[in-house]
Amino acid sequence: MTQQHQAIEHCGQELWLLPDKAIYWPAQRALLVADVHIGKAASYRALHQPVPRGTTEATLARLDDLLAHYACEQLIVLGDFLHARSARAPATLARLQAWRDRHPGLHIVLIRGNHDHNAGDPPETLGITVLDEPWLLGPFALQHEPHAHPERPVLAGHVHPVFILRGRARQRLRLPCFLIDEQVSLLPAFGEFTGGWEIAPLPTSQVYLAGAGLVWPL
């Protein structure tokens, strides 16, 4: 994996922002991802819409690479693990089970997001601990929804944040990004087929763009 992370200090914790749209938290030996949306493409194909194939395999392969590269004892999903009930197709669940079997000692925590409430909790055979938000871990409130917590800074997903770089000749480059703020920080969507929402950062926010194997501050 030839990628270069961006180490930041946030609320007294070192966090590594990874080019593959995840955060590694060394003190917790944890990989954080948001908005995985397993089975989204299959859900669209069930509606007879032409969409790419292989997105679930690509997403799980990227998780494999990250778990192999970083010293992870736990994987924390900040919501939207499965896209919809139609994502529970036997072929999709079989791929998920095969992936889980490759990581039998990994502790996985899913903080329910809006899509998880619709899709239902993952099958028990996947061995995933499922929680409602917020989950208080270290100094942070881990959530799916980007709502401020009364006592702790939030790490959240849901928004699928992207930032658009604009050039002089109307060039536009749309990149996933991390938004780091004192109250609510956002992770980019991890899934392969998720789209994005252009953010308008506050003056107090720091934006880190992810692309081409790098993470860099705006």
N, C-alpha and C. Protein backbone atom coordinates (compact mmCIF):
# COMPACT_ATOMS: atom_id res chain seq x y z
N MET A 1 0.86 -1.19 0.00
CA MET A 1 0.00 0.00 0.00
C MET A 1 0.89 1.24 0.00
N THR A 2 0.95 1.94 -1.10
CA THR A 2 1.79 3.13 -1.21
C THR A 2 0.92 4.36 -1.00
N GLN A 3 0.53 4.58 0.25
CA GLN A 3 -0.29 5.72 0.59
C GLN A 3 0.36 6.45 1.76
N GLN A 4 0.10 7.73 1.84
CA GLN A 4 0.70 8.55 2.88
C GLN A 4 -0.41 9.20 3.69
N HIS A 5 -0.46 8.86 4.98
CA HIS A 5 -1.51 9.42 5.83
C HIS A 5 -1.13 10.81 6.32
N GLN A 6 -2.11 11.49 6.86
CA GLN A 6 -1.92 12.81 7.47
C GLN A 6 -2.22 12.65 8.97
N ALA A 7 -1.21 12.81 9.80
CA ALA A 7 -1.40 12.71 11.24
C ALA A 7 -1.83 14.07 11.78
N ILE A 8 -2.89 14.08 12.57
CA ILE A 8 -3.35 15.31 13.22
C ILE A 8 -3.56 15.03 14.70
N GLU A 9 -3.57 16.09 15.49
CA GLU A 9 -3.95 15.98 16.89
C GLU A 9 -5.31 16.62 17.06
N HIS A 10 -6.24 15.87 17.62
CA HIS A 10 -7.60 16.35 17.79
C HIS A 10 -8.09 15.93 19.17
N CYS A 11 -8.38 16.93 19.99
CA CYS A 11 -8.86 16.68 21.36
C CYS A 11 -7.88 15.81 22.14
N GLY A 12 -6.59 16.09 21.96
CA GLY A 12 -5.57 15.38 22.70
C GLY A 12 -5.26 13.99 22.18
N GLN A 13 -5.84 13.61 21.05
CA GLN A 13 -5.62 12.30 20.47
C GLN A 13 -4.95 12.43 19.11
N GLU A 14 -4.02 11.53 18.82
CA GLU A 14 -3.45 11.48 17.48
C GLU A 14 -4.35 10.64 16.59
N LEU A 15 -4.74 11.20 15.48
CA LEU A 15 -5.56 10.51 14.49
C LEU A 15 -4.82 10.54 13.15
N TRP A 16 -4.86 9.43 12.46
CA TRP A 16 -4.25 9.36 11.13
C TRP A 16 -5.37 9.39 10.09
N LEU A 17 -5.40 10.43 9.29
CA LEU A 17 -6.36 10.52 8.19
C LEU A 17 -5.77 9.77 7.01
N LEU A 18 -6.49 8.79 6.51
CA LEU A 18 -5.95 7.90 5.49
C LEU A 18 -6.50 8.24 4.11
N PRO A 19 -5.67 8.13 3.08
CA PRO A 19 -6.14 8.43 1.72
C PRO A 19 -7.31 7.57 1.29
N ASP A 20 -7.45 6.38 1.88
CA ASP A 20 -8.54 5.50 1.49
C ASP A 20 -9.82 5.78 2.29
N LYS A 21 -9.94 7.05 2.76
CA LYS A 21 -11.20 7.55 3.34
C LYS A 21 -11.56 6.85 4.65
N ALA A 22 -10.57 6.70 5.50
CA ALA A 22 -10.76 6.11 6.82
C ALA A 22 -9.85 6.85 7.80
N ILE A 23 -10.06 6.61 9.09
CA ILE A 23 -9.21 7.15 10.14
C ILE A 23 -8.63 5.99 10.93
N TYR A 24 -7.32 6.05 11.18
CA TYR A 24 -6.71 5.11 12.11
C TYR A 24 -6.43 5.85 13.40
N TRP A 25 -6.87 5.25 14.52
CA TRP A 25 -6.73 5.85 15.85
C TRP A 25 -5.73 4.98 16.61
N PRO A 26 -4.45 5.37 16.63
CA PRO A 26 -3.44 4.48 17.21
C PRO A 26 -3.69 4.11 18.66
N ALA A 27 -4.13 5.05 19.49
CA ALA A 27 -4.31 4.76 20.91
C ALA A 27 -5.34 3.67 21.15
N GLN A 28 -6.32 3.55 20.26
CA GLN A 28 -7.36 2.53 20.38
C GLN A 28 -7.10 1.34 19.46
N ARG A 29 -6.03 1.41 18.67
CA ARG A 29 -5.74 0.39 17.65
C ARG A 29 -7.01 0.11 16.85
N ALA A 30 -7.63 1.21 16.41
CA ALA A 30 -8.94 1.14 15.77
C ALA A 30 -8.92 1.79 14.40
N LEU A 31 -9.63 1.17 13.47
CA LEU A 31 -9.89 1.74 12.15
C LEU A 31 -11.33 2.23 12.14
N LEU A 32 -11.53 3.50 11.79
CA LEU A 32 -12.87 4.08 11.73
C LEU A 32 -13.24 4.33 10.27
N VAL A 33 -14.43 3.88 9.88
CA VAL A 33 -14.97 4.15 8.56
C VAL A 33 -16.43 4.57 8.72
N ALA A 34 -16.95 5.24 7.73
CA ALA A 34 -18.35 5.67 7.74
C ALA A 34 -18.98 5.37 6.39
N ASP A 35 -20.26 5.08 6.40
CA ASP A 35 -21.05 4.99 5.16
C ASP A 35 -20.44 4.00 4.18
N VAL A 36 -20.42 2.74 4.60
CA VAL A 36 -19.88 1.67 3.77
C VAL A 36 -20.88 1.29 2.68
N HIS A 37 -22.14 1.23 3.02
CA HIS A 37 -23.23 0.99 2.05
C HIS A 37 -23.03 -0.29 1.25
N ILE A 38 -22.74 -1.37 1.95
CA ILE A 38 -22.63 -2.67 1.30
C ILE A 38 -23.96 -3.01 0.61
N GLY A 39 -23.85 -3.47 -0.64
CA GLY A 39 -25.04 -3.90 -1.38
C GLY A 39 -25.81 -2.78 -2.05
N LYS A 40 -25.26 -1.57 -2.08
CA LYS A 40 -26.00 -0.47 -2.70
C LYS A 40 -26.20 -0.71 -4.18
N ALA A 41 -25.15 -1.12 -4.88
CA ALA A 41 -25.27 -1.35 -6.32
C ALA A 41 -26.28 -2.46 -6.60
N ALA A 42 -26.24 -3.53 -5.80
CA ALA A 42 -27.20 -4.63 -5.99
C ALA A 42 -28.62 -4.14 -5.76
N SER A 43 -28.81 -3.22 -4.81
CA SER A 43 -30.13 -2.67 -4.55
C SER A 43 -30.65 -1.89 -5.76
N TYR A 44 -29.75 -1.15 -6.40
CA TYR A 44 -30.14 -0.41 -7.60
C TYR A 44 -30.44 -1.35 -8.76
N ARG A 45 -29.63 -2.41 -8.89
CA ARG A 45 -29.89 -3.36 -9.97
C ARG A 45 -31.21 -4.08 -9.76
N ALA A 46 -31.61 -4.27 -8.51
CA ALA A 46 -32.92 -4.88 -8.24
C ALA A 46 -34.06 -4.00 -8.74
N LEU A 47 -33.77 -2.72 -8.90
CA LEU A 47 -34.75 -1.77 -9.45
C LEU A 47 -34.55 -1.58 -10.95
N HIS A 48 -33.76 -2.48 -11.57
CA HIS A 48 -33.51 -2.48 -13.01
C HIS A 48 -32.79 -1.22 -13.47
N GLN A 49 -31.90 -0.70 -12.61
CA GLN A 49 -31.09 0.44 -12.99
C GLN A 49 -29.67 -0.03 -13.27
N PRO A 50 -29.10 0.38 -14.41
CA PRO A 50 -27.74 -0.06 -14.76
C PRO A 50 -26.69 0.64 -13.91
N VAL A 51 -26.02 -0.11 -13.06
CA VAL A 51 -24.98 0.43 -12.18
C VAL A 51 -23.79 -0.51 -12.20
N PRO A 52 -22.63 -0.05 -11.74
CA PRO A 52 -21.43 -0.90 -11.80
C PRO A 52 -21.58 -2.17 -10.95
N ARG A 53 -20.89 -3.21 -11.37
CA ARG A 53 -20.81 -4.45 -10.59
C ARG A 53 -19.45 -4.49 -9.88
N GLY A 54 -19.37 -5.32 -8.85
CA GLY A 54 -18.12 -5.52 -8.16
C GLY A 54 -17.82 -4.52 -7.07
N THR A 55 -18.78 -3.65 -6.72
CA THR A 55 -18.48 -2.62 -5.72
C THR A 55 -18.32 -3.22 -4.33
N THR A 56 -19.12 -4.24 -3.99
CA THR A 56 -18.97 -4.86 -2.68
C THR A 56 -17.59 -5.50 -2.54
N GLU A 57 -17.16 -6.25 -3.57
CA GLU A 57 -15.84 -6.87 -3.52
C GLU A 57 -14.74 -5.82 -3.40
N ALA A 58 -14.88 -4.70 -4.12
CA ALA A 58 -13.86 -3.66 -4.07
C ALA A 58 -13.81 -3.01 -2.68
N THR A 59 -14.97 -2.75 -2.09
CA THR A 59 -15.01 -2.16 -0.75
C THR A 59 -14.37 -3.08 0.27
N LEU A 60 -14.71 -4.37 0.23
CA LEU A 60 -14.16 -5.32 1.20
C LEU A 60 -12.66 -5.52 0.97
N ALA A 61 -12.21 -5.48 -0.28
CA ALA A 61 -10.77 -5.60 -0.55
C ALA A 61 -10.01 -4.42 0.02
N ARG A 62 -10.59 -3.22 -0.05
CA ARG A 62 -9.94 -2.05 0.54
C ARG A 62 -9.86 -2.18 2.05
N LEU A 63 -10.91 -2.70 2.66
CA LEU A 63 -10.86 -2.95 4.10
C LEU A 63 -9.77 -3.96 4.44
N ASP A 64 -9.67 -5.02 3.64
CA ASP A 64 -8.60 -6.00 3.84
C ASP A 64 -7.23 -5.33 3.84
N ASP A 65 -7.01 -4.46 2.85
CA ASP A 65 -5.71 -3.80 2.73
C ASP A 65 -5.41 -2.93 3.95
N LEU A 66 -6.40 -2.18 4.41
CA LEU A 66 -6.19 -1.31 5.56
C LEU A 66 -5.94 -2.12 6.83
N LEU A 67 -6.70 -3.17 7.02
CA LEU A 67 -6.52 -3.99 8.22
C LEU A 67 -5.18 -4.70 8.21
N ALA A 68 -4.66 -5.01 7.03
CA ALA A 68 -3.35 -5.65 6.93
C ALA A 68 -2.23 -4.65 7.17
N HIS A 69 -2.46 -3.39 6.83
CA HIS A 69 -1.40 -2.38 6.87
C HIS A 69 -1.28 -1.73 8.24
N TYR A 70 -2.39 -1.61 8.96
CA TYR A 70 -2.39 -0.93 10.25
C TYR A 70 -2.70 -1.95 11.36
N ALA A 71 -2.15 -1.67 12.55
CA ALA A 71 -2.31 -2.59 13.69
C ALA A 71 -3.69 -2.39 14.29
N CYS A 72 -4.67 -3.11 13.76
CA CYS A 72 -6.07 -2.92 14.15
C CYS A 72 -6.55 -4.07 15.04
N GLU A 73 -7.10 -3.69 16.17
CA GLU A 73 -7.81 -4.65 17.01
C GLU A 73 -9.31 -4.50 16.85
N GLN A 74 -9.75 -3.34 16.36
CA GLN A 74 -11.18 -3.13 16.18
C GLN A 74 -11.46 -2.28 14.95
N LEU A 75 -12.60 -2.55 14.36
CA LEU A 75 -13.13 -1.78 13.24
C LEU A 75 -14.40 -1.13 13.71
N ILE A 76 -14.48 0.19 13.59
CA ILE A 76 -15.65 0.94 14.05
C ILE A 76 -16.31 1.56 12.82
N VAL A 77 -17.56 1.21 12.60
CA VAL A 77 -18.32 1.71 11.45
C VAL A 77 -19.30 2.76 11.95
N LEU A 78 -19.14 3.99 11.47
CA LEU A 78 -20.00 5.10 11.90
C LEU A 78 -21.26 5.16 11.03
N GLY A 79 -21.97 4.06 11.00
CA GLY A 79 -23.27 4.03 10.38
C GLY A 79 -23.29 3.63 8.92
N ASP A 80 -24.47 3.12 8.52
CA ASP A 80 -24.78 2.74 7.14
C ASP A 80 -23.83 1.66 6.63
N PHE A 81 -23.83 0.53 7.31
CA PHE A 81 -23.03 -0.62 6.89
C PHE A 81 -23.70 -1.31 5.71
N LEU A 82 -24.96 -1.73 5.88
CA LEU A 82 -25.75 -2.25 4.76
C LEU A 82 -26.60 -1.12 4.19
N HIS A 83 -26.79 -1.14 2.89
CA HIS A 83 -27.50 -0.03 2.25
C HIS A 83 -29.02 -0.12 2.45
N ALA A 84 -29.58 -1.30 2.29
CA ALA A 84 -31.03 -1.48 2.35
C ALA A 84 -31.34 -2.95 2.58
N ARG A 85 -32.61 -3.26 2.81
CA ARG A 85 -32.99 -4.67 2.99
C ARG A 85 -32.66 -5.51 1.76
N SER A 86 -32.76 -4.89 0.59
CA SER A 86 -32.43 -5.61 -0.63
C SER A 86 -30.94 -5.94 -0.72
N ALA A 87 -30.12 -5.30 0.14
CA ALA A 87 -28.70 -5.61 0.17
C ALA A 87 -28.42 -6.94 0.87
N ARG A 88 -29.45 -7.52 1.49
CA ARG A 88 -29.26 -8.78 2.20
C ARG A 88 -29.43 -9.98 1.26
N ALA A 89 -29.13 -9.78 -0.02
CA ALA A 89 -29.20 -10.88 -0.99
C ALA A 89 -28.19 -11.96 -0.59
N PRO A 90 -28.51 -13.23 -0.84
CA PRO A 90 -27.59 -14.31 -0.43
C PRO A 90 -26.17 -14.14 -0.93
N ALA A 91 -25.99 -13.69 -2.16
CA ALA A 91 -24.64 -13.54 -2.69
C ALA A 91 -23.87 -12.46 -1.93
N THR A 92 -24.55 -11.35 -1.60
CA THR A 92 -23.89 -10.28 -0.85
C THR A 92 -23.52 -10.75 0.55
N LEU A 93 -24.43 -11.43 1.21
CA LEU A 93 -24.15 -11.91 2.57
C LEU A 93 -23.05 -12.97 2.56
N ALA A 94 -22.98 -13.75 1.51
CA ALA A 94 -21.92 -14.76 1.42
C ALA A 94 -20.55 -14.07 1.29
N ARG A 95 -20.49 -13.00 0.51
CA ARG A 95 -19.23 -12.27 0.38
C ARG A 95 -18.84 -11.64 1.72
N LEU A 96 -19.82 -11.10 2.43
CA LEU A 96 -19.55 -10.53 3.74
C LEU A 96 -19.05 -11.59 4.72
N GLN A 97 -19.66 -12.75 4.70
CA GLN A 97 -19.25 -13.81 5.61
C GLN A 97 -17.83 -14.29 5.30
N ALA A 98 -17.51 -14.40 4.03
CA ALA A 98 -16.16 -14.81 3.64
C ALA A 98 -15.14 -13.76 4.10
N TRP A 99 -15.50 -12.49 3.99
CA TRP A 99 -14.62 -11.43 4.47
C TRP A 99 -14.45 -11.52 5.98
N ARG A 100 -15.54 -11.73 6.70
CA ARG A 100 -15.46 -11.81 8.17
C ARG A 100 -14.61 -13.00 8.60
N ASP A 101 -14.72 -14.08 7.88
CA ASP A 101 -13.94 -15.27 8.22
C ASP A 101 -12.44 -15.04 8.07
N ARG A 102 -12.06 -14.06 7.27
CA ARG A 102 -10.64 -13.72 7.13
C ARG A 102 -10.13 -12.91 8.31
N HIS A 103 -11.02 -12.40 9.14
CA HIS A 103 -10.64 -11.53 10.26
C HIS A 103 -11.36 -12.00 11.54
N PRO A 104 -11.14 -13.24 11.96
CA PRO A 104 -11.92 -13.78 13.08
C PRO A 104 -11.66 -13.09 14.41
N GLY A 105 -10.47 -12.52 14.60
CA GLY A 105 -10.16 -11.89 15.88
C GLY A 105 -10.47 -10.41 15.94
N LEU A 106 -11.01 -9.85 14.88
CA LEU A 106 -11.28 -8.42 14.82
C LEU A 106 -12.58 -8.09 15.53
N HIS A 107 -12.53 -7.14 16.45
CA HIS A 107 -13.75 -6.66 17.11
C HIS A 107 -14.38 -5.60 16.22
N ILE A 108 -15.61 -5.80 15.81
CA ILE A 108 -16.30 -4.87 14.92
C ILE A 108 -17.49 -4.25 15.64
N VAL A 109 -17.57 -2.95 15.60
CA VAL A 109 -18.68 -2.21 16.20
C VAL A 109 -19.35 -1.39 15.11
N LEU A 110 -20.65 -1.51 15.02
CA LEU A 110 -21.47 -0.69 14.10
C LEU A 110 -22.37 0.21 14.91
N ILE A 111 -22.23 1.51 14.67
CA ILE A 111 -23.15 2.49 15.26
C ILE A 111 -24.24 2.74 14.24
N ARG A 112 -25.46 2.38 14.60
CA ARG A 112 -26.55 2.39 13.62
C ARG A 112 -26.73 3.77 12.98
N GLY A 113 -26.88 3.76 11.65
CA GLY A 113 -27.24 4.95 10.90
C GLY A 113 -28.64 4.82 10.33
N ASN A 114 -29.04 5.81 9.55
CA ASN A 114 -30.40 5.78 9.01
C ASN A 114 -30.62 4.59 8.08
N HIS A 115 -29.63 4.22 7.28
CA HIS A 115 -29.79 3.06 6.40
C HIS A 115 -29.80 1.76 7.19
N ASP A 116 -29.08 1.72 8.30
CA ASP A 116 -29.09 0.51 9.12
C ASP A 116 -30.47 0.26 9.73
N HIS A 117 -31.16 1.32 10.09
CA HIS A 117 -32.51 1.15 10.64
C HIS A 117 -33.44 0.56 9.59
N ASN A 118 -33.22 0.90 8.34
CA ASN A 118 -34.04 0.35 7.26
C ASN A 118 -33.60 -1.06 6.88
N ALA A 119 -32.29 -1.27 6.81
CA ALA A 119 -31.77 -2.57 6.35
C ALA A 119 -31.85 -3.64 7.42
N GLY A 120 -31.86 -3.23 8.68
CA GLY A 120 -31.81 -4.19 9.77
C GLY A 120 -30.36 -4.48 10.14
N ASP A 121 -30.18 -5.00 11.36
CA ASP A 121 -28.84 -5.30 11.83
C ASP A 121 -28.21 -6.41 10.98
N PRO A 122 -26.88 -6.39 10.86
CA PRO A 122 -26.20 -7.46 10.13
C PRO A 122 -26.48 -8.82 10.76
N PRO A 123 -26.39 -9.91 9.99
CA PRO A 123 -26.61 -11.25 10.54
C PRO A 123 -25.67 -11.51 11.73
N GLU A 124 -26.17 -12.25 12.72
CA GLU A 124 -25.38 -12.53 13.91
C GLU A 124 -24.10 -13.28 13.60
N THR A 125 -24.09 -14.04 12.50
CA THR A 125 -22.90 -14.81 12.15
C THR A 125 -21.71 -13.92 11.82
N LEU A 126 -21.96 -12.65 11.54
CA LEU A 126 -20.86 -11.73 11.26
C LEU A 126 -20.18 -11.24 12.53
N GLY A 127 -20.79 -11.49 13.68
CA GLY A 127 -20.16 -11.14 14.94
C GLY A 127 -19.90 -9.65 15.10
N ILE A 128 -20.87 -8.84 14.75
CA ILE A 128 -20.74 -7.38 14.83
C ILE A 128 -21.55 -6.87 16.02
N THR A 129 -20.91 -6.11 16.89
CA THR A 129 -21.62 -5.45 17.98
C THR A 129 -22.32 -4.21 17.42
N VAL A 130 -23.63 -4.12 17.63
CA VAL A 130 -24.42 -3.03 17.05
C VAL A 130 -24.94 -2.14 18.17
N LEU A 131 -24.69 -0.84 18.04
CA LEU A 131 -25.05 0.14 19.07
C LEU A 131 -25.84 1.28 18.46
N ASP A 132 -26.67 1.90 19.28
CA ASP A 132 -27.28 3.18 18.90
C ASP A 132 -26.31 4.30 19.26
N GLU A 133 -26.39 5.39 18.52
CA GLU A 133 -25.52 6.52 18.80
C GLU A 133 -26.01 7.31 20.00
N PRO A 134 -25.11 7.99 20.69
CA PRO A 134 -23.66 8.03 20.48
C PRO A 134 -22.97 6.91 21.26
N TRP A 135 -21.79 6.53 20.77
CA TRP A 135 -20.91 5.65 21.55
C TRP A 135 -19.77 6.51 22.05
N LEU A 136 -19.63 6.61 23.35
CA LEU A 136 -18.60 7.43 23.97
C LEU A 136 -17.34 6.61 24.13
N LEU A 137 -16.29 7.02 23.42
CA LEU A 137 -15.02 6.30 23.43
C LEU A 137 -13.89 7.32 23.50
N GLY A 138 -13.06 7.20 24.54
CA GLY A 138 -12.04 8.21 24.73
C GLY A 138 -12.69 9.57 24.90
N PRO A 139 -12.15 10.60 24.27
CA PRO A 139 -12.75 11.92 24.41
C PRO A 139 -13.91 12.19 23.45
N PHE A 140 -14.23 11.22 22.58
CA PHE A 140 -15.16 11.48 21.48
C PHE A 140 -16.53 10.85 21.70
N ALA A 141 -17.53 11.44 21.05
CA ALA A 141 -18.83 10.81 20.84
C ALA A 141 -18.84 10.33 19.39
N LEU A 142 -18.90 9.02 19.21
CA LEU A 142 -18.91 8.45 17.87
C LEU A 142 -20.35 8.28 17.43
N GLN A 143 -20.70 8.86 16.29
CA GLN A 143 -22.08 8.91 15.83
C GLN A 143 -22.14 8.70 14.32
N HIS A 144 -23.37 8.49 13.84
CA HIS A 144 -23.60 8.56 12.40
C HIS A 144 -24.07 9.97 12.03
N GLU A 145 -25.07 10.45 12.71
CA GLU A 145 -25.61 11.78 12.41
C GLU A 145 -24.67 12.86 12.92
N PRO A 146 -24.45 13.90 12.13
CA PRO A 146 -23.50 14.95 12.51
C PRO A 146 -24.13 16.01 13.41
N HIS A 147 -24.65 15.56 14.55
CA HIS A 147 -25.24 16.47 15.52
C HIS A 147 -24.28 16.67 16.67
N ALA A 148 -24.19 17.89 17.17
CA ALA A 148 -23.30 18.18 18.28
C ALA A 148 -23.74 17.41 19.52
N HIS A 149 -22.78 16.94 20.28
CA HIS A 149 -23.02 16.28 21.56
C HIS A 149 -22.86 17.31 22.67
N PRO A 150 -23.65 17.25 23.74
CA PRO A 150 -23.57 18.29 24.78
C PRO A 150 -22.26 18.34 25.53
N GLU A 151 -21.49 17.24 25.51
CA GLU A 151 -20.30 17.20 26.35
C GLU A 151 -19.01 16.85 25.60
N ARG A 152 -19.12 16.23 24.43
CA ARG A 152 -17.92 15.73 23.77
C ARG A 152 -17.90 16.10 22.30
N PRO A 153 -16.70 16.24 21.73
CA PRO A 153 -16.61 16.44 20.28
C PRO A 153 -17.05 15.18 19.56
N VAL A 154 -17.62 15.34 18.39
CA VAL A 154 -18.25 14.26 17.64
C VAL A 154 -17.39 13.89 16.44
N LEU A 155 -17.28 12.57 16.19
CA LEU A 155 -16.81 12.05 14.91
C LEU A 155 -18.01 11.37 14.26
N ALA A 156 -18.35 11.75 13.03
CA ALA A 156 -19.60 11.29 12.42
C ALA A 156 -19.41 11.05 10.93
N GLY A 157 -20.45 10.50 10.34
CA GLY A 157 -20.50 10.27 8.90
C GLY A 157 -21.72 10.94 8.31
N HIS A 158 -22.49 10.17 7.53
CA HIS A 158 -23.81 10.54 6.99
C HIS A 158 -23.75 11.53 5.82
N VAL A 159 -22.88 12.54 5.88
CA VAL A 159 -22.91 13.62 4.90
C VAL A 159 -22.23 13.23 3.59
N HIS A 160 -21.27 12.28 3.63
CA HIS A 160 -20.45 11.95 2.45
C HIS A 160 -19.74 13.20 1.95
N PRO A 161 -18.95 13.88 2.78
CA PRO A 161 -18.42 15.20 2.40
C PRO A 161 -17.43 15.13 1.25
N VAL A 162 -17.58 16.08 0.33
CA VAL A 162 -16.61 16.29 -0.75
C VAL A 162 -16.35 17.78 -0.85
N PHE A 163 -15.20 18.10 -1.42
CA PHE A 163 -14.85 19.50 -1.66
C PHE A 163 -14.48 19.64 -3.13
N ILE A 164 -14.88 20.73 -3.75
CA ILE A 164 -14.61 20.94 -5.17
C ILE A 164 -13.54 22.01 -5.34
N LEU A 165 -12.43 21.59 -5.93
CA LEU A 165 -11.39 22.54 -6.31
C LEU A 165 -11.73 23.13 -7.67
N ARG A 166 -11.66 24.42 -7.77
CA ARG A 166 -12.01 25.10 -9.02
C ARG A 166 -10.80 25.83 -9.58
N GLY A 167 -10.55 25.61 -10.88
CA GLY A 167 -9.43 26.27 -11.55
C GLY A 167 -9.88 27.51 -12.30
N ARG A 168 -8.92 28.18 -12.91
CA ARG A 168 -9.22 29.44 -13.59
C ARG A 168 -10.02 29.24 -14.86
N ALA A 169 -9.87 28.11 -15.52
CA ALA A 169 -10.56 27.87 -16.79
C ALA A 169 -11.75 26.94 -16.61
N ARG A 170 -12.45 27.15 -15.51
CA ARG A 170 -13.66 26.37 -15.18
C ARG A 170 -13.36 24.89 -14.92
N GLN A 171 -12.10 24.57 -14.61
CA GLN A 171 -11.81 23.20 -14.21
C GLN A 171 -12.42 22.94 -12.84
N ARG A 172 -12.85 21.72 -12.66
CA ARG A 172 -13.45 21.31 -11.39
C ARG A 172 -12.89 19.93 -11.03
N LEU A 173 -12.43 19.82 -9.81
CA LEU A 173 -11.95 18.54 -9.30
C LEU A 173 -12.67 18.27 -8.00
N ARG A 174 -13.45 17.20 -7.99
CA ARG A 174 -14.30 16.86 -6.85
C ARG A 174 -13.61 15.75 -6.06
N LEU A 175 -13.30 16.04 -4.80
CA LEU A 175 -12.54 15.09 -3.99
C LEU A 175 -13.22 14.83 -2.65
N PRO A 176 -13.19 13.57 -2.20
CA PRO A 176 -13.67 13.29 -0.84
C PRO A 176 -12.78 14.00 0.16
N CYS A 177 -13.35 14.31 1.31
CA CYS A 177 -12.57 15.07 2.29
C CYS A 177 -12.98 14.71 3.71
N PHE A 178 -12.06 14.99 4.61
CA PHE A 178 -12.33 14.99 6.05
C PHE A 178 -12.56 16.44 6.46
N LEU A 179 -13.55 16.66 7.31
CA LEU A 179 -13.79 17.98 7.87
C LEU A 179 -13.59 17.86 9.38
N ILE A 180 -12.60 18.59 9.89
CA ILE A 180 -12.26 18.52 11.31
C ILE A 180 -12.66 19.82 11.97
N ASP A 181 -13.48 19.70 13.01
CA ASP A 181 -13.99 20.88 13.70
C ASP A 181 -14.04 20.57 15.20
N GLU A 182 -14.07 21.61 16.00
CA GLU A 182 -14.08 21.41 17.46
C GLU A 182 -15.32 20.67 17.93
N GLN A 183 -16.47 20.91 17.30
CA GLN A 183 -17.71 20.28 17.76
C GLN A 183 -18.05 19.01 16.99
N VAL A 184 -18.11 19.08 15.66
CA VAL A 184 -18.51 17.94 14.84
C VAL A 184 -17.53 17.79 13.68
N SER A 185 -16.88 16.64 13.61
CA SER A 185 -15.97 16.32 12.51
C SER A 185 -16.59 15.23 11.65
N LEU A 186 -16.30 15.27 10.36
CA LEU A 186 -16.93 14.36 9.40
C LEU A 186 -15.89 13.50 8.70
N LEU A 187 -16.24 12.22 8.52
CA LEU A 187 -15.45 11.31 7.70
C LEU A 187 -16.08 11.23 6.32
N PRO A 188 -15.27 11.05 5.28
CA PRO A 188 -15.85 10.80 3.95
C PRO A 188 -16.49 9.43 3.91
N ALA A 189 -17.36 9.23 2.94
CA ALA A 189 -17.98 7.92 2.76
C ALA A 189 -16.93 6.92 2.29
N PHE A 190 -16.94 5.73 2.91
CA PHE A 190 -15.93 4.73 2.57
C PHE A 190 -16.36 3.89 1.36
N GLY A 191 -17.65 3.68 1.18
CA GLY A 191 -18.12 2.77 0.15
C GLY A 191 -17.75 3.21 -1.26
N GLU A 192 -17.78 2.24 -2.17
CA GLU A 192 -17.37 2.46 -3.56
C GLU A 192 -18.41 3.25 -4.37
N PHE A 193 -19.66 3.16 -3.99
CA PHE A 193 -20.74 3.66 -4.84
C PHE A 193 -21.65 4.52 -3.98
N THR A 194 -21.10 5.66 -3.52
CA THR A 194 -21.81 6.42 -2.49
C THR A 194 -22.09 7.87 -2.86
N GLY A 195 -21.40 8.43 -3.84
CA GLY A 195 -21.61 9.84 -4.15
C GLY A 195 -21.07 10.73 -3.04
N GLY A 196 -21.38 12.03 -3.12
CA GLY A 196 -20.87 12.96 -2.12
C GLY A 196 -21.66 14.25 -2.10
N TRP A 197 -21.51 14.98 -1.01
CA TRP A 197 -22.20 16.24 -0.81
C TRP A 197 -21.16 17.34 -0.61
N GLU A 198 -21.24 18.38 -1.43
CA GLU A 198 -20.26 19.46 -1.33
C GLU A 198 -20.47 20.22 -0.02
N ILE A 199 -19.40 20.34 0.74
CA ILE A 199 -19.49 21.02 2.02
C ILE A 199 -19.08 22.48 1.88
N ALA A 200 -19.56 23.28 2.81
CA ALA A 200 -19.14 24.68 2.93
C ALA A 200 -18.55 24.83 4.32
N PRO A 201 -17.23 24.64 4.47
CA PRO A 201 -16.64 24.62 5.81
C PRO A 201 -16.76 25.97 6.51
N LEU A 202 -16.88 25.89 7.84
CA LEU A 202 -16.88 27.08 8.66
C LEU A 202 -15.46 27.63 8.78
N PRO A 203 -15.32 28.89 9.17
CA PRO A 203 -13.96 29.43 9.36
C PRO A 203 -13.15 28.66 10.40
N THR A 204 -13.83 28.02 11.34
CA THR A 204 -13.13 27.27 12.39
C THR A 204 -12.77 25.85 11.95
N SER A 205 -13.22 25.43 10.79
CA SER A 205 -13.02 24.06 10.34
C SER A 205 -11.73 23.92 9.53
N GLN A 206 -11.17 22.72 9.57
CA GLN A 206 -10.04 22.39 8.72
C GLN A 206 -10.46 21.27 7.79
N VAL A 207 -10.20 21.44 6.50
CA VAL A 207 -10.55 20.46 5.49
C VAL A 207 -9.29 19.76 5.02
N TYR A 208 -9.36 18.43 4.96
CA TYR A 208 -8.26 17.62 4.43
C TYR A 208 -8.79 16.83 3.24
N LEU A 209 -8.18 17.01 2.09
CA LEU A 209 -8.60 16.34 0.87
C LEU A 209 -7.91 14.99 0.76
N ALA A 210 -8.61 14.02 0.17
CA ALA A 210 -8.07 12.67 0.00
C ALA A 210 -8.10 12.32 -1.48
N GLY A 211 -6.95 11.88 -2.00
CA GLY A 211 -6.89 11.48 -3.40
C GLY A 211 -5.47 11.17 -3.82
N ALA A 212 -5.34 10.29 -4.82
CA ALA A 212 -4.03 9.94 -5.38
C ALA A 212 -3.07 9.43 -4.32
N GLY A 213 -3.61 8.70 -3.35
CA GLY A 213 -2.76 8.11 -2.33
C GLY A 213 -2.23 9.09 -1.30
N LEU A 214 -2.83 10.28 -1.22
CA LEU A 214 -2.37 11.31 -0.31
C LEU A 214 -3.54 11.92 0.43
N VAL A 215 -3.24 12.52 1.58
CA VAL A 215 -4.17 13.40 2.29
C VAL A 215 -3.43 14.70 2.55
N TRP A 216 -4.06 15.83 2.20
CA TRP A 216 -3.37 17.09 2.41
C TRP A 216 -4.38 18.16 2.85
N PRO A 217 -3.92 19.10 3.68
CA PRO A 217 -4.82 20.16 4.16
C PRO A 217 -5.13 21.16 3.07
N LEU A 218 -6.34 21.66 3.09
CA LEU A 218 -6.76 22.66 2.11
C LEU A 218 -6.13 24.01 2.48
